[in-house]
Amino acid sequence: MYIANKASASWIHLDPSHANAEVEGAFGDNDPVDVVEIGETQRKIGEVLKIKPLAALAMIDEGELDWKIYNTIGED
């Protein structure tokens, strides 16, 4: 069974004043970028981990650009 742990890269925010031409001209949502770990281990709140990015997904949520970074951890 795989668990998806969700976190955020709180130091990376999408600029709400910048239109991204590669994603239908959508503006950033000024929220931290979401980071979703796919693995077998349930993580603790506040745990800091070194990740291996697998994919980036740009989503349009209520007209604003919302990035998701999918990753795994070395032992998974």
N, C-alpha and C. Protein backbone atom coordinates (compact mmCIF):
# COMPACT_ATOMS: atom_id res chain seq x y z
N MET A 1 0.84 -1.18 0.00
CA MET A 1 0.00 0.00 0.00
C MET A 1 0.88 1.24 0.00
N TYR A 2 0.54 2.21 -0.82
CA TYR A 2 1.30 3.45 -0.87
C TYR A 2 0.58 4.55 -0.12
N ILE A 3 1.35 5.33 0.56
CA ILE A 3 0.85 6.48 1.32
C ILE A 3 1.31 7.74 0.62
N ALA A 4 0.48 8.73 0.55
CA ALA A 4 0.88 10.03 0.00
C ALA A 4 0.93 11.03 1.15
N ASN A 5 2.14 11.46 1.49
CA ASN A 5 2.33 12.48 2.52
C ASN A 5 2.38 13.83 1.82
N LYS A 6 1.59 14.79 2.29
CA LYS A 6 1.55 16.11 1.66
C LYS A 6 2.24 17.13 2.56
N ALA A 7 3.04 17.96 1.94
CA ALA A 7 3.74 19.03 2.65
C ALA A 7 3.78 20.24 1.74
N SER A 8 4.55 21.23 2.11
CA SER A 8 4.71 22.38 1.23
C SER A 8 6.13 22.89 1.32
N ALA A 9 6.56 23.50 0.24
CA ALA A 9 7.85 24.19 0.22
C ALA A 9 7.53 25.63 0.58
N SER A 10 7.51 25.92 1.87
CA SER A 10 7.00 27.20 2.36
C SER A 10 7.83 28.40 1.91
N TRP A 11 9.03 28.17 1.43
CA TRP A 11 9.88 29.26 0.97
C TRP A 11 9.69 29.55 -0.52
N ILE A 12 8.87 28.76 -1.20
CA ILE A 12 8.61 28.97 -2.63
C ILE A 12 7.14 29.34 -2.81
N HIS A 13 6.89 30.59 -3.20
CA HIS A 13 5.53 31.05 -3.46
C HIS A 13 5.40 31.44 -4.93
N LEU A 14 4.23 31.23 -5.50
CA LEU A 14 3.99 31.61 -6.89
C LEU A 14 3.52 33.05 -6.95
N ASP A 15 4.20 33.85 -7.74
CA ASP A 15 3.94 35.29 -7.84
C ASP A 15 2.57 35.56 -8.45
N PRO A 16 1.66 36.17 -7.69
CA PRO A 16 0.32 36.44 -8.22
C PRO A 16 0.28 37.56 -9.25
N SER A 17 1.39 38.26 -9.45
CA SER A 17 1.42 39.33 -10.45
C SER A 17 2.07 38.88 -11.76
N HIS A 18 2.52 37.62 -11.82
CA HIS A 18 3.19 37.11 -13.02
C HIS A 18 2.28 36.12 -13.75
N ALA A 19 2.00 36.40 -15.03
CA ALA A 19 1.22 35.49 -15.86
C ALA A 19 2.17 34.47 -16.49
N ASN A 20 1.92 33.20 -16.31
CA ASN A 20 2.76 32.14 -16.85
C ASN A 20 2.23 31.75 -18.23
N ALA A 21 2.98 32.14 -19.27
CA ALA A 21 2.55 31.90 -20.65
C ALA A 21 2.48 30.41 -20.98
N GLU A 22 3.24 29.57 -20.28
CA GLU A 22 3.25 28.13 -20.55
C GLU A 22 2.02 27.42 -19.98
N VAL A 23 1.27 28.10 -19.11
CA VAL A 23 0.10 27.50 -18.48
C VAL A 23 -1.09 28.44 -18.65
N GLU A 24 -1.50 28.63 -19.90
CA GLU A 24 -2.68 29.42 -20.26
C GLU A 24 -2.70 30.83 -19.66
N GLY A 25 -1.51 31.39 -19.39
CA GLY A 25 -1.43 32.74 -18.86
C GLY A 25 -1.91 32.87 -17.42
N ALA A 26 -1.99 31.76 -16.71
CA ALA A 26 -2.50 31.78 -15.33
C ALA A 26 -1.51 32.49 -14.41
N PHE A 27 -2.07 33.17 -13.42
CA PHE A 27 -1.26 33.86 -12.42
C PHE A 27 -1.05 32.93 -11.23
N GLY A 28 0.05 33.13 -10.52
CA GLY A 28 0.34 32.34 -9.32
C GLY A 28 -0.70 32.57 -8.24
N ASP A 29 -0.82 31.61 -7.33
CA ASP A 29 -1.82 31.70 -6.26
C ASP A 29 -1.25 32.27 -4.95
N ASN A 30 0.03 32.62 -4.94
CA ASN A 30 0.71 33.18 -3.78
C ASN A 30 0.70 32.22 -2.58
N ASP A 31 0.49 30.94 -2.84
CA ASP A 31 0.57 29.91 -1.80
C ASP A 31 1.89 29.16 -1.95
N PRO A 32 2.35 28.49 -0.87
CA PRO A 32 3.55 27.65 -1.01
C PRO A 32 3.30 26.53 -2.02
N VAL A 33 4.36 26.11 -2.70
CA VAL A 33 4.27 24.99 -3.64
C VAL A 33 4.00 23.72 -2.84
N ASP A 34 3.03 22.90 -3.31
CA ASP A 34 2.70 21.64 -2.65
C ASP A 34 3.72 20.57 -3.02
N VAL A 35 4.13 19.78 -2.04
CA VAL A 35 5.06 18.68 -2.25
C VAL A 35 4.37 17.41 -1.76
N VAL A 36 4.25 16.41 -2.64
CA VAL A 36 3.54 15.18 -2.30
C VAL A 36 4.50 14.01 -2.40
N GLU A 37 4.74 13.36 -1.27
CA GLU A 37 5.63 12.19 -1.25
C GLU A 37 4.81 10.94 -1.50
N ILE A 38 5.30 10.10 -2.39
CA ILE A 38 4.67 8.81 -2.66
C ILE A 38 5.61 7.74 -2.11
N GLY A 39 5.16 7.01 -1.13
CA GLY A 39 6.02 6.00 -0.51
C GLY A 39 5.23 5.10 0.40
N GLU A 40 5.94 4.37 1.26
CA GLU A 40 5.32 3.41 2.15
C GLU A 40 5.37 3.82 3.61
N THR A 41 5.98 4.96 3.90
CA THR A 41 6.18 5.39 5.28
C THR A 41 5.33 6.60 5.60
N GLN A 42 4.63 6.53 6.73
CA GLN A 42 3.88 7.70 7.18
C GLN A 42 4.85 8.61 7.92
N ARG A 43 4.91 9.88 7.52
CA ARG A 43 5.87 10.83 8.09
C ARG A 43 5.27 11.58 9.27
N LYS A 44 6.17 12.11 10.10
CA LYS A 44 5.75 12.91 11.25
C LYS A 44 5.59 14.37 10.83
N ILE A 45 4.70 15.08 11.48
CA ILE A 45 4.51 16.51 11.21
C ILE A 45 5.80 17.24 11.53
N GLY A 46 6.24 18.08 10.61
CA GLY A 46 7.45 18.87 10.79
C GLY A 46 8.73 18.17 10.40
N GLU A 47 8.66 16.93 9.97
CA GLU A 47 9.85 16.18 9.58
C GLU A 47 10.45 16.80 8.32
N VAL A 48 11.77 16.95 8.31
CA VAL A 48 12.49 17.51 7.17
C VAL A 48 13.24 16.38 6.48
N LEU A 49 13.02 16.24 5.18
CA LEU A 49 13.59 15.12 4.44
C LEU A 49 14.25 15.58 3.15
N LYS A 50 15.24 14.85 2.71
CA LYS A 50 15.84 15.06 1.39
C LYS A 50 15.02 14.23 0.41
N ILE A 51 14.52 14.88 -0.65
CA ILE A 51 13.60 14.20 -1.58
C ILE A 51 14.25 13.93 -2.93
N LYS A 52 13.62 13.05 -3.68
CA LYS A 52 13.96 12.78 -5.08
C LYS A 52 12.73 13.15 -5.91
N PRO A 53 12.75 14.32 -6.59
CA PRO A 53 11.59 14.72 -7.40
C PRO A 53 11.32 13.72 -8.52
N LEU A 54 10.05 13.42 -8.73
CA LEU A 54 9.63 12.52 -9.81
C LEU A 54 8.92 13.27 -10.93
N ALA A 55 8.08 14.24 -10.55
CA ALA A 55 7.29 14.96 -11.55
C ALA A 55 6.79 16.27 -10.97
N ALA A 56 6.52 17.20 -11.86
CA ALA A 56 5.89 18.47 -11.49
C ALA A 56 4.59 18.57 -12.28
N LEU A 57 3.54 18.98 -11.60
CA LEU A 57 2.23 19.07 -12.23
C LEU A 57 1.69 20.48 -12.01
N ALA A 58 1.41 21.18 -13.10
CA ALA A 58 0.81 22.51 -13.02
C ALA A 58 -0.70 22.36 -13.11
N MET A 59 -1.40 22.86 -12.11
CA MET A 59 -2.86 22.77 -12.09
C MET A 59 -3.44 24.18 -12.05
N ILE A 60 -4.59 24.34 -12.66
CA ILE A 60 -5.33 25.60 -12.57
C ILE A 60 -6.45 25.36 -11.56
N ASP A 61 -6.38 26.09 -10.45
CA ASP A 61 -7.35 25.95 -9.36
C ASP A 61 -8.03 27.29 -9.15
N GLU A 62 -9.30 27.35 -9.47
CA GLU A 62 -10.08 28.59 -9.39
C GLU A 62 -9.39 29.73 -10.15
N GLY A 63 -8.86 29.39 -11.32
CA GLY A 63 -8.24 30.37 -12.20
C GLY A 63 -6.81 30.74 -11.85
N GLU A 64 -6.25 30.14 -10.80
CA GLU A 64 -4.89 30.45 -10.39
C GLU A 64 -3.99 29.23 -10.56
N LEU A 65 -2.71 29.49 -10.85
CA LEU A 65 -1.73 28.43 -11.05
C LEU A 65 -1.33 27.83 -9.72
N ASP A 66 -1.37 26.50 -9.62
CA ASP A 66 -1.06 25.79 -8.38
C ASP A 66 -0.15 24.61 -8.74
N TRP A 67 1.13 24.71 -8.40
CA TRP A 67 2.10 23.65 -8.72
C TRP A 67 2.10 22.56 -7.67
N LYS A 68 2.27 21.31 -8.11
CA LYS A 68 2.44 20.15 -7.25
C LYS A 68 3.74 19.48 -7.66
N ILE A 69 4.59 19.17 -6.69
CA ILE A 69 5.82 18.44 -6.93
C ILE A 69 5.66 17.05 -6.32
N TYR A 70 5.71 16.01 -7.12
CA TYR A 70 5.60 14.64 -6.64
C TYR A 70 7.01 14.08 -6.47
N ASN A 71 7.24 13.39 -5.35
CA ASN A 71 8.59 12.92 -5.04
C ASN A 71 8.57 11.61 -4.28
N THR A 72 9.75 11.06 -4.09
CA THR A 72 9.96 9.90 -3.26
C THR A 72 11.16 10.19 -2.36
N ILE A 73 11.38 9.34 -1.37
CA ILE A 73 12.50 9.46 -0.46
C ILE A 73 13.44 8.29 -0.75
N GLY A 74 14.72 8.47 -0.50
CA GLY A 74 15.74 7.46 -0.83
C GLY A 74 15.42 6.03 -0.42
N GLU A 75 14.86 5.83 0.79
CA GLU A 75 14.63 4.45 1.23
C GLU A 75 13.37 3.83 0.65
N ASP A 76 12.51 4.61 0.01
CA ASP A 76 11.28 4.06 -0.59
C ASP A 76 11.49 3.73 -2.05
